[in-house]
N, C-alpha and C. Protein backbone atom coordinates (compact mmCIF):
# COMPACT_ATOMS: atom_id res chain seq x y z
N UNK A 1 0.82 -1.21 -0.06
CA UNK A 1 0.04 -0.02 0.04
C UNK A 1 0.97 1.20 0.06
N UNK A 2 0.71 2.15 -0.76
CA UNK A 2 1.27 3.44 -1.02
C UNK A 2 0.82 4.24 0.17
N UNK A 3 1.81 4.92 0.93
CA UNK A 3 1.64 5.82 2.08
C UNK A 3 2.39 7.13 1.95
N UNK A 4 1.74 8.20 2.17
CA UNK A 4 2.24 9.58 2.35
C UNK A 4 2.28 9.85 3.82
N UNK A 5 3.51 10.37 4.27
CA UNK A 5 3.66 10.79 5.77
C UNK A 5 4.27 12.19 5.65
N UNK A 6 3.65 12.94 6.58
CA UNK A 6 4.40 14.45 6.65
C UNK A 6 4.78 14.35 8.20
N UNK A 7 6.13 14.73 8.35
CA UNK A 7 6.66 14.70 9.68
C UNK A 7 7.37 16.05 10.00
N UNK A 8 7.04 16.40 11.14
CA UNK A 8 7.68 17.77 11.66
C UNK A 8 8.33 17.47 12.98
N UNK A 9 9.58 18.01 13.11
CA UNK A 9 10.39 17.80 14.34
C UNK A 9 10.57 19.08 15.18
N UNK A 10 10.33 18.98 16.42
CA UNK A 10 10.37 19.99 17.35
C UNK A 10 11.45 19.64 18.33
N UNK A 11 12.67 19.89 18.19
CA UNK A 11 13.87 19.60 19.18
C UNK A 11 13.54 20.59 20.35
N UNK A 12 13.91 19.96 21.49
CA UNK A 12 13.84 20.83 22.77
C UNK A 12 15.21 21.20 23.31
N UNK A 13 15.88 21.66 22.26
CA UNK A 13 17.39 22.10 22.60
C UNK A 13 17.50 23.57 22.02
N UNK A 14 18.38 24.35 22.48
CA UNK A 14 18.58 25.59 21.83
C UNK A 14 19.02 25.60 20.49
N UNK A 15 19.85 24.67 20.20
CA UNK A 15 20.30 24.53 18.79
C UNK A 15 19.59 23.65 17.83
N UNK A 16 18.29 24.10 17.84
CA UNK A 16 17.28 23.29 17.12
C UNK A 16 17.48 23.11 15.62
N UNK A 17 17.97 24.36 15.04
CA UNK A 17 18.10 24.37 13.66
C UNK A 17 19.09 23.30 13.13
N UNK A 18 20.20 23.18 13.82
CA UNK A 18 21.22 22.19 13.53
C UNK A 18 20.60 20.85 13.72
N UNK A 19 19.72 20.58 14.58
CA UNK A 19 19.12 19.24 14.86
C UNK A 19 18.28 18.94 13.74
N UNK A 20 17.48 19.81 13.38
CA UNK A 20 16.41 19.74 12.25
C UNK A 20 17.19 19.49 11.02
N UNK A 21 18.19 20.31 10.68
CA UNK A 21 19.06 20.11 9.45
C UNK A 21 19.71 18.69 9.33
N UNK A 22 20.20 18.20 10.50
CA UNK A 22 20.91 16.85 10.57
C UNK A 22 19.92 15.72 10.44
N UNK A 23 18.71 16.01 10.98
CA UNK A 23 17.58 14.89 10.88
C UNK A 23 17.10 14.85 9.38
N UNK A 24 17.01 16.11 8.68
CA UNK A 24 16.59 15.94 7.18
C UNK A 24 17.61 15.25 6.47
N UNK A 25 18.94 15.58 6.76
CA UNK A 25 20.09 14.91 6.05
C UNK A 25 20.03 13.34 6.26
N UNK A 26 19.75 13.08 7.55
CA UNK A 26 19.63 11.61 7.92
C UNK A 26 18.42 10.87 7.00
N UNK A 27 17.31 11.55 7.08
CA UNK A 27 16.09 10.93 6.23
C UNK A 27 16.49 10.81 4.87
N UNK A 28 17.40 11.73 4.31
CA UNK A 28 17.64 11.72 2.79
C UNK A 28 18.69 10.57 2.41
N UNK A 29 19.21 9.93 3.51
CA UNK A 29 20.11 8.88 3.24
C UNK A 29 19.27 7.54 2.81
N UNK A 30 17.99 7.46 3.14
CA UNK A 30 17.31 6.21 2.82
C UNK A 30 16.86 6.05 1.36
N UNK A 31 16.90 4.88 0.93
CA UNK A 31 16.33 4.68 -0.50
C UNK A 31 15.03 4.04 -0.48
N UNK A 32 14.29 4.08 -1.51
CA UNK A 32 12.98 3.45 -1.49
C UNK A 32 11.85 4.41 -1.13
N UNK A 33 12.21 5.58 -0.68
CA UNK A 33 11.11 6.60 -0.30
C UNK A 33 11.40 7.84 -0.89
N UNK A 34 10.37 8.55 -1.57
CA UNK A 34 10.62 9.70 -2.07
C UNK A 34 10.45 10.83 -0.96
N UNK A 35 11.34 11.76 -1.01
CA UNK A 35 11.33 12.81 0.22
C UNK A 35 11.44 14.08 -0.39
N UNK A 36 10.52 14.99 0.27
CA UNK A 36 10.53 16.35 -0.25
C UNK A 36 10.44 17.37 1.18
N UNK A 37 11.40 18.17 1.31
CA UNK A 37 11.30 19.03 2.56
C UNK A 37 10.79 20.43 2.12
N UNK A 38 9.74 20.87 2.99
CA UNK A 38 9.37 22.24 2.80
C UNK A 38 9.58 22.91 4.05
N UNK A 39 9.26 24.22 4.12
CA UNK A 39 9.75 25.11 5.33
C UNK A 39 9.25 24.42 6.76
N UNK A 40 8.08 23.78 6.76
CA UNK A 40 7.49 23.42 8.02
C UNK A 40 7.37 21.75 8.27
N UNK A 41 7.87 21.00 7.29
CA UNK A 41 7.76 19.59 7.33
C UNK A 41 8.60 18.83 6.28
N UNK A 42 8.73 17.71 6.54
CA UNK A 42 9.40 16.70 5.54
C UNK A 42 8.29 15.73 5.02
N UNK A 43 8.01 15.51 3.79
CA UNK A 43 6.98 14.62 3.21
C UNK A 43 7.71 13.36 2.60
N UNK A 44 7.26 12.20 3.00
CA UNK A 44 7.76 11.12 2.53
C UNK A 44 6.74 10.19 1.74
N UNK A 45 6.92 9.67 0.69
CA UNK A 45 5.92 8.78 -0.05
C UNK A 45 6.85 7.53 -0.29
N UNK A 46 6.11 6.40 -0.23
CA UNK A 46 6.59 5.07 -0.66
C UNK A 46 5.66 4.17 -0.16
N UNK A 47 6.06 2.91 -0.32
CA UNK A 47 5.34 1.70 0.27
C UNK A 47 5.33 1.91 1.83
N UNK A 48 4.13 1.36 2.28
CA UNK A 48 3.92 1.58 3.84
C UNK A 48 5.01 1.03 4.67
N UNK A 49 5.54 0.04 4.28
CA UNK A 49 6.56 -0.65 5.13
C UNK A 49 7.99 0.12 5.11
N UNK A 50 8.35 0.61 3.99
CA UNK A 50 9.41 1.47 3.84
C UNK A 50 9.41 2.86 4.51
N UNK A 51 8.21 3.48 4.37
CA UNK A 51 8.05 4.87 5.01
C UNK A 51 7.93 4.62 6.64
N UNK A 52 7.38 3.69 6.99
CA UNK A 52 7.39 3.29 8.57
C UNK A 52 8.79 3.00 9.22
N UNK A 53 9.44 2.28 8.29
CA UNK A 53 10.94 1.92 8.65
C UNK A 53 11.73 3.19 8.83
N UNK A 54 11.50 4.14 7.88
CA UNK A 54 12.36 5.47 7.91
C UNK A 54 11.85 6.19 9.10
N UNK A 55 10.59 6.11 9.29
CA UNK A 55 10.06 7.05 10.48
C UNK A 55 10.61 6.45 11.82
N UNK A 56 10.47 4.99 11.90
CA UNK A 56 10.94 4.27 13.20
C UNK A 56 12.49 4.46 13.38
N UNK A 57 13.25 4.42 12.26
CA UNK A 57 14.77 4.53 12.60
C UNK A 57 15.10 6.05 12.81
N UNK A 58 14.38 7.04 12.19
CA UNK A 58 14.73 8.48 12.39
C UNK A 58 14.31 8.79 13.88
N UNK A 59 13.25 8.50 14.26
CA UNK A 59 12.85 8.69 15.60
C UNK A 59 13.82 8.28 16.63
N UNK A 60 14.15 6.83 16.65
CA UNK A 60 15.10 6.41 17.35
C UNK A 60 16.50 7.05 17.46
N UNK A 61 16.88 7.26 16.20
CA UNK A 61 18.25 7.92 15.89
C UNK A 61 18.19 9.30 16.60
N UNK A 62 17.09 10.11 16.31
CA UNK A 62 17.11 11.45 16.93
C UNK A 62 17.10 11.29 18.56
N UNK A 63 16.38 10.64 19.12
CA UNK A 63 16.30 10.30 20.57
C UNK A 63 17.66 9.95 21.13
N UNK A 64 18.31 9.08 20.52
CA UNK A 64 19.65 8.63 20.91
C UNK A 64 20.60 9.62 20.66
N UNK A 65 20.63 10.41 19.55
CA UNK A 65 21.50 11.48 19.31
C UNK A 65 21.47 12.74 20.15
N UNK A 66 20.00 13.25 20.22
CA UNK A 66 19.71 14.59 20.69
C UNK A 66 18.99 14.57 21.94
N UNK A 67 18.45 13.36 22.49
CA UNK A 67 17.55 13.44 23.66
C UNK A 67 16.18 13.79 23.26
N UNK A 68 15.46 14.56 24.10
CA UNK A 68 14.12 14.90 23.93
C UNK A 68 13.78 15.78 22.70
N UNK A 69 12.97 15.10 21.90
CA UNK A 69 12.43 15.90 20.73
C UNK A 69 10.88 15.49 20.61
N UNK A 70 10.16 16.42 20.06
CA UNK A 70 8.76 16.10 19.64
C UNK A 70 8.54 15.92 18.16
N UNK A 71 7.93 14.94 17.77
CA UNK A 71 7.55 14.68 16.42
C UNK A 71 6.08 14.72 16.26
N UNK A 72 5.59 15.47 15.15
CA UNK A 72 4.17 15.42 14.70
C UNK A 72 4.06 14.92 13.44
N UNK A 73 3.41 13.86 13.29
CA UNK A 73 3.29 13.19 11.85
C UNK A 73 1.83 12.96 11.49
N UNK A 74 1.59 13.05 10.28
CA UNK A 74 0.35 12.84 9.53
C UNK A 74 0.47 11.72 8.66
N UNK A 75 -0.40 10.78 8.48
CA UNK A 75 -0.34 9.71 7.53
C UNK A 75 -1.49 9.70 6.63
N UNK A 76 -1.28 9.55 5.32
CA UNK A 76 -2.45 9.46 4.43
C UNK A 76 -2.24 8.13 3.50
N UNK A 77 -3.03 7.04 3.99
CA UNK A 77 -2.76 5.75 3.21
C UNK A 77 -3.35 5.76 1.87
N UNK A 78 -2.81 5.07 1.08
CA UNK A 78 -3.40 5.03 -0.29
C UNK A 78 -3.27 6.35 -1.21
N UNK A 79 -2.40 7.14 -0.99
CA UNK A 79 -2.20 8.44 -1.62
C UNK A 79 -0.60 8.72 -1.75
N UNK A 80 -0.40 9.14 -2.99
CA UNK A 80 0.98 9.64 -3.40
C UNK A 80 0.97 11.17 -3.46
N UNK A 81 1.45 11.91 -2.60
CA UNK A 81 1.48 13.28 -2.58
C UNK A 81 2.24 13.94 -3.67
N UNK A 82 3.04 13.13 -4.37
CA UNK A 82 3.88 13.61 -5.35
C UNK A 82 3.37 13.45 -6.87
N UNK A 83 2.03 12.92 -6.96
CA UNK A 83 1.56 12.79 -8.18
C UNK A 83 0.53 13.92 -8.60
């Protein structure tokens, strides 16, 4: 099943812009998922399992690397935001 996910990160540290940029860079290392970053969110489109793997990995990676962060994510199943 195709899935579109929009994810926004709110780091709870003073150097939040660096954390956001590093997280976007990390997301862009994954293959099998189309990614587009807009000023307020990053949009990912791909097969459900692939998108969820990226989200799972990125959330765990950010918590381990930066500590407390807030993620807000929207999911639209069966939809390709890039078509």
